[in-house]
């Protein structure tokens, strides 16, 4: 879970039984997006992000043929109560 994602989303996913690791829990908050994306791959996970810059890094890697862990991207404002 990227650092800017709301804790309420993390908690809801965990209540549903989803194995979630936050960037903060992994000591990778305030870390560059490329480093976080490398870490995601090393852990064999995907990352959930709402950060446009993160999406751009993933798109850049796709275009360059650079392997990385998966990204689930949702723009801010797409979750409503």
N, C-alpha and C. Protein backbone atom coordinates (compact mmCIF):
# COMPACT_ATOMS: atom_id res chain seq x y z
N UNK A 1 0.85 -1.16 0.00
CA UNK A 1 0.00 0.00 0.00
C UNK A 1 0.90 1.23 0.00
N UNK A 2 0.74 2.07 -1.01
CA UNK A 2 1.55 3.29 -1.09
C UNK A 2 1.21 4.20 0.09
N UNK A 3 2.15 5.04 0.48
CA UNK A 3 2.01 5.81 1.71
C UNK A 3 0.85 6.80 1.74
N UNK A 4 0.39 7.29 0.59
CA UNK A 4 -0.67 8.30 0.59
C UNK A 4 -2.07 7.70 0.63
N UNK A 5 -2.17 6.37 0.61
CA UNK A 5 -3.48 5.72 0.64
C UNK A 5 -4.04 5.78 2.07
N UNK A 6 -5.28 6.13 2.17
CA UNK A 6 -5.96 6.27 3.46
C UNK A 6 -5.90 4.98 4.28
N UNK A 7 -5.67 5.15 5.57
CA UNK A 7 -5.67 4.02 6.48
C UNK A 7 -7.00 3.29 6.50
N UNK A 8 -8.10 4.00 6.23
CA UNK A 8 -9.41 3.35 6.23
C UNK A 8 -9.51 2.32 5.10
N UNK A 9 -8.86 2.58 3.98
CA UNK A 9 -8.85 1.61 2.88
C UNK A 9 -8.05 0.39 3.28
N UNK A 10 -6.90 0.61 3.88
CA UNK A 10 -6.07 -0.50 4.36
C UNK A 10 -6.83 -1.35 5.36
N UNK A 11 -7.46 -0.72 6.33
CA UNK A 11 -8.21 -1.47 7.34
C UNK A 11 -9.37 -2.26 6.73
N UNK A 12 -10.08 -1.65 5.78
CA UNK A 12 -11.19 -2.35 5.15
C UNK A 12 -10.71 -3.58 4.38
N UNK A 13 -9.61 -3.44 3.67
CA UNK A 13 -9.06 -4.60 2.95
C UNK A 13 -8.64 -5.70 3.91
N UNK A 14 -8.03 -5.33 5.00
CA UNK A 14 -7.62 -6.33 5.99
C UNK A 14 -8.82 -7.04 6.61
N UNK A 15 -9.90 -6.30 6.85
CA UNK A 15 -11.13 -6.93 7.38
C UNK A 15 -11.67 -7.97 6.40
N UNK A 16 -11.41 -7.76 5.12
CA UNK A 16 -11.85 -8.69 4.09
C UNK A 16 -10.85 -9.84 3.90
N UNK A 17 -9.78 -9.84 4.66
CA UNK A 17 -8.81 -10.92 4.59
C UNK A 17 -7.70 -10.72 3.58
N UNK A 18 -7.57 -9.50 3.05
CA UNK A 18 -6.51 -9.20 2.09
C UNK A 18 -5.20 -8.97 2.84
N UNK A 19 -4.14 -9.61 2.38
CA UNK A 19 -2.80 -9.44 2.97
C UNK A 19 -2.23 -8.11 2.50
N UNK A 20 -2.22 -7.12 3.37
CA UNK A 20 -1.79 -5.77 3.02
C UNK A 20 -0.54 -5.41 3.83
N UNK A 21 0.45 -4.88 3.15
CA UNK A 21 1.64 -4.33 3.79
C UNK A 21 1.77 -2.89 3.34
N UNK A 22 1.81 -1.98 4.27
CA UNK A 22 1.93 -0.57 3.90
C UNK A 22 3.40 -0.19 3.73
N UNK A 23 3.63 0.86 2.96
CA UNK A 23 4.99 1.38 2.81
C UNK A 23 5.56 1.77 4.17
N UNK A 24 4.71 2.31 5.03
CA UNK A 24 5.16 2.70 6.36
C UNK A 24 5.61 1.48 7.17
N UNK A 25 4.83 0.42 7.14
CA UNK A 25 5.18 -0.79 7.88
C UNK A 25 6.47 -1.42 7.35
N UNK A 26 6.75 -1.23 6.08
CA UNK A 26 7.95 -1.78 5.45
C UNK A 26 9.12 -0.79 5.49
N UNK A 27 8.96 0.31 6.22
CA UNK A 27 9.98 1.36 6.36
C UNK A 27 10.36 1.95 5.00
N UNK A 28 9.35 2.09 4.10
CA UNK A 28 9.58 2.70 2.79
C UNK A 28 8.64 3.88 2.54
N UNK A 29 8.18 4.52 3.60
CA UNK A 29 7.45 5.77 3.41
C UNK A 29 8.50 6.87 3.20
N UNK A 30 8.14 7.91 2.55
CA UNK A 30 9.06 9.00 2.19
C UNK A 30 10.24 8.47 1.38
N UNK A 31 9.98 7.45 0.57
CA UNK A 31 10.98 6.84 -0.32
C UNK A 31 10.55 7.14 -1.75
N UNK A 32 11.49 7.26 -2.66
CA UNK A 32 11.15 7.58 -4.05
C UNK A 32 10.29 6.48 -4.66
N UNK A 33 9.45 6.89 -5.61
CA UNK A 33 8.57 5.93 -6.28
C UNK A 33 9.36 4.80 -6.96
N UNK A 34 10.46 5.08 -7.67
CA UNK A 34 11.22 3.98 -8.27
C UNK A 34 11.73 2.97 -7.24
N UNK A 35 12.16 3.47 -6.08
CA UNK A 35 12.64 2.57 -5.02
C UNK A 35 11.50 1.72 -4.47
N UNK A 36 10.35 2.33 -4.26
CA UNK A 36 9.19 1.58 -3.76
C UNK A 36 8.78 0.52 -4.79
N UNK A 37 8.78 0.88 -6.05
CA UNK A 37 8.40 -0.08 -7.09
C UNK A 37 9.41 -1.24 -7.16
N UNK A 38 10.68 -0.95 -6.97
CA UNK A 38 11.68 -2.02 -6.89
C UNK A 38 11.42 -2.93 -5.70
N UNK A 39 11.07 -2.34 -4.57
CA UNK A 39 10.79 -3.11 -3.36
C UNK A 39 9.57 -4.01 -3.54
N UNK A 40 8.55 -3.49 -4.19
CA UNK A 40 7.35 -4.27 -4.48
C UNK A 40 7.72 -5.54 -5.25
N UNK A 41 8.56 -5.37 -6.27
CA UNK A 41 8.99 -6.51 -7.06
C UNK A 41 9.80 -7.50 -6.24
N UNK A 42 10.68 -7.00 -5.39
CA UNK A 42 11.51 -7.87 -4.55
C UNK A 42 10.66 -8.70 -3.59
N UNK A 43 9.54 -8.12 -3.15
CA UNK A 43 8.64 -8.83 -2.23
C UNK A 43 7.64 -9.72 -2.96
N UNK A 44 7.58 -9.62 -4.29
CA UNK A 44 6.61 -10.41 -5.04
C UNK A 44 5.18 -9.95 -4.82
N UNK A 45 5.01 -8.66 -4.66
CA UNK A 45 3.69 -8.09 -4.39
C UNK A 45 3.28 -7.13 -5.50
N UNK A 46 2.07 -6.63 -5.39
CA UNK A 46 1.61 -5.51 -6.21
C UNK A 46 1.40 -4.34 -5.27
N UNK A 47 1.37 -3.13 -5.81
CA UNK A 47 1.15 -1.96 -4.97
C UNK A 47 -0.15 -1.26 -5.37
N UNK A 48 -0.85 -0.79 -4.38
CA UNK A 48 -2.05 0.02 -4.57
C UNK A 48 -1.63 1.46 -4.37
N UNK A 49 -1.86 2.30 -5.37
CA UNK A 49 -1.44 3.70 -5.28
C UNK A 49 -2.51 4.62 -5.86
N UNK A 50 -2.52 5.84 -5.35
CA UNK A 50 -3.40 6.88 -5.87
C UNK A 50 -2.57 8.05 -6.37
N UNK A 51 -1.28 7.82 -6.55
CA UNK A 51 -0.29 8.84 -6.89
C UNK A 51 -0.03 8.85 -8.39
N UNK A 52 -0.34 9.96 -9.04
CA UNK A 52 -0.11 10.08 -10.48
C UNK A 52 1.36 9.89 -10.85
N UNK A 53 2.27 10.38 -10.02
CA UNK A 53 3.70 10.21 -10.29
C UNK A 53 4.09 8.74 -10.29
N UNK A 54 3.50 7.98 -9.39
CA UNK A 54 3.77 6.55 -9.31
C UNK A 54 3.29 5.86 -10.60
N UNK A 55 2.11 6.26 -11.04
CA UNK A 55 1.58 5.69 -12.28
C UNK A 55 2.49 6.04 -13.47
N UNK A 56 3.01 7.24 -13.49
CA UNK A 56 3.94 7.62 -14.57
C UNK A 56 5.20 6.76 -14.55
N UNK A 57 5.72 6.46 -13.37
CA UNK A 57 6.91 5.61 -13.27
C UNK A 57 6.61 4.20 -13.78
N UNK A 58 5.46 3.67 -13.43
CA UNK A 58 5.07 2.35 -13.92
C UNK A 58 4.92 2.37 -15.44
N UNK A 59 4.31 3.40 -15.97
CA UNK A 59 4.14 3.53 -17.42
C UNK A 59 5.49 3.65 -18.12
N UNK A 60 6.41 4.42 -17.52
CA UNK A 60 7.75 4.56 -18.08
C UNK A 60 8.45 3.20 -18.16
N UNK A 61 8.33 2.43 -17.08
CA UNK A 61 8.97 1.11 -17.06
C UNK A 61 8.35 0.17 -18.08
N UNK A 62 7.04 0.24 -18.21
CA UNK A 62 6.39 -0.59 -19.24
C UNK A 62 6.93 -0.27 -20.62
N UNK A 63 7.03 1.01 -20.94
CA UNK A 63 7.51 1.44 -22.24
C UNK A 63 8.96 1.05 -22.49
N UNK A 64 9.75 1.00 -21.43
CA UNK A 64 11.17 0.66 -21.55
C UNK A 64 11.42 -0.84 -21.45
N UNK A 65 10.36 -1.61 -21.20
CA UNK A 65 10.52 -3.05 -21.07
C UNK A 65 11.18 -3.48 -19.77
N UNK A 66 11.06 -2.65 -18.74
CA UNK A 66 11.66 -2.94 -17.44
C UNK A 66 10.63 -3.69 -16.58
N UNK A 67 11.02 -4.86 -16.10
CA UNK A 67 10.11 -5.66 -15.27
C UNK A 67 9.91 -5.00 -13.90
N UNK A 68 8.71 -5.12 -13.36
CA UNK A 68 8.41 -4.60 -12.02
C UNK A 68 7.17 -5.31 -11.50
N UNK A 69 6.96 -5.20 -10.17
CA UNK A 69 5.74 -5.74 -9.58
C UNK A 69 4.53 -4.98 -10.08
N UNK A 70 3.38 -5.54 -9.96
CA UNK A 70 2.17 -4.91 -10.48
C UNK A 70 1.75 -3.68 -9.72
N UNK A 71 0.96 -2.85 -10.40
CA UNK A 71 0.44 -1.62 -9.81
C UNK A 71 -1.08 -1.61 -9.96
N UNK A 72 -1.75 -1.35 -8.87
CA UNK A 72 -3.19 -1.08 -8.90
C UNK A 72 -3.32 0.40 -8.64
N UNK A 73 -3.87 1.12 -9.60
CA UNK A 73 -3.96 2.57 -9.50
C UNK A 73 -5.41 3.00 -9.51
N UNK A 74 -5.75 3.88 -8.59
CA UNK A 74 -7.06 4.49 -8.52
C UNK A 74 -6.89 5.97 -8.23
N UNK A 75 -7.39 6.84 -9.10
CA UNK A 75 -7.24 8.27 -8.84
C UNK A 75 -7.99 8.70 -7.57
N UNK A 76 -7.52 9.75 -6.97
CA UNK A 76 -8.18 10.32 -5.79
C UNK A 76 -9.60 10.71 -6.16
N UNK A 77 -10.53 10.47 -5.27
CA UNK A 77 -11.92 10.84 -5.49
C UNK A 77 -12.78 9.72 -6.06
N UNK A 78 -12.22 8.51 -6.22
CA UNK A 78 -13.02 7.43 -6.80
C UNK A 78 -13.72 6.58 -5.76
N UNK A 79 -13.40 6.76 -4.49
CA UNK A 79 -14.07 6.01 -3.44
C UNK A 79 -15.04 6.93 -2.72
N UNK A 80 -16.27 6.50 -2.61
CA UNK A 80 -17.29 7.29 -1.94
C UNK A 80 -18.00 6.41 -0.93
N UNK A 81 -18.49 7.02 0.10
CA UNK A 81 -19.25 6.26 1.11
C UNK A 81 -20.67 6.12 0.68
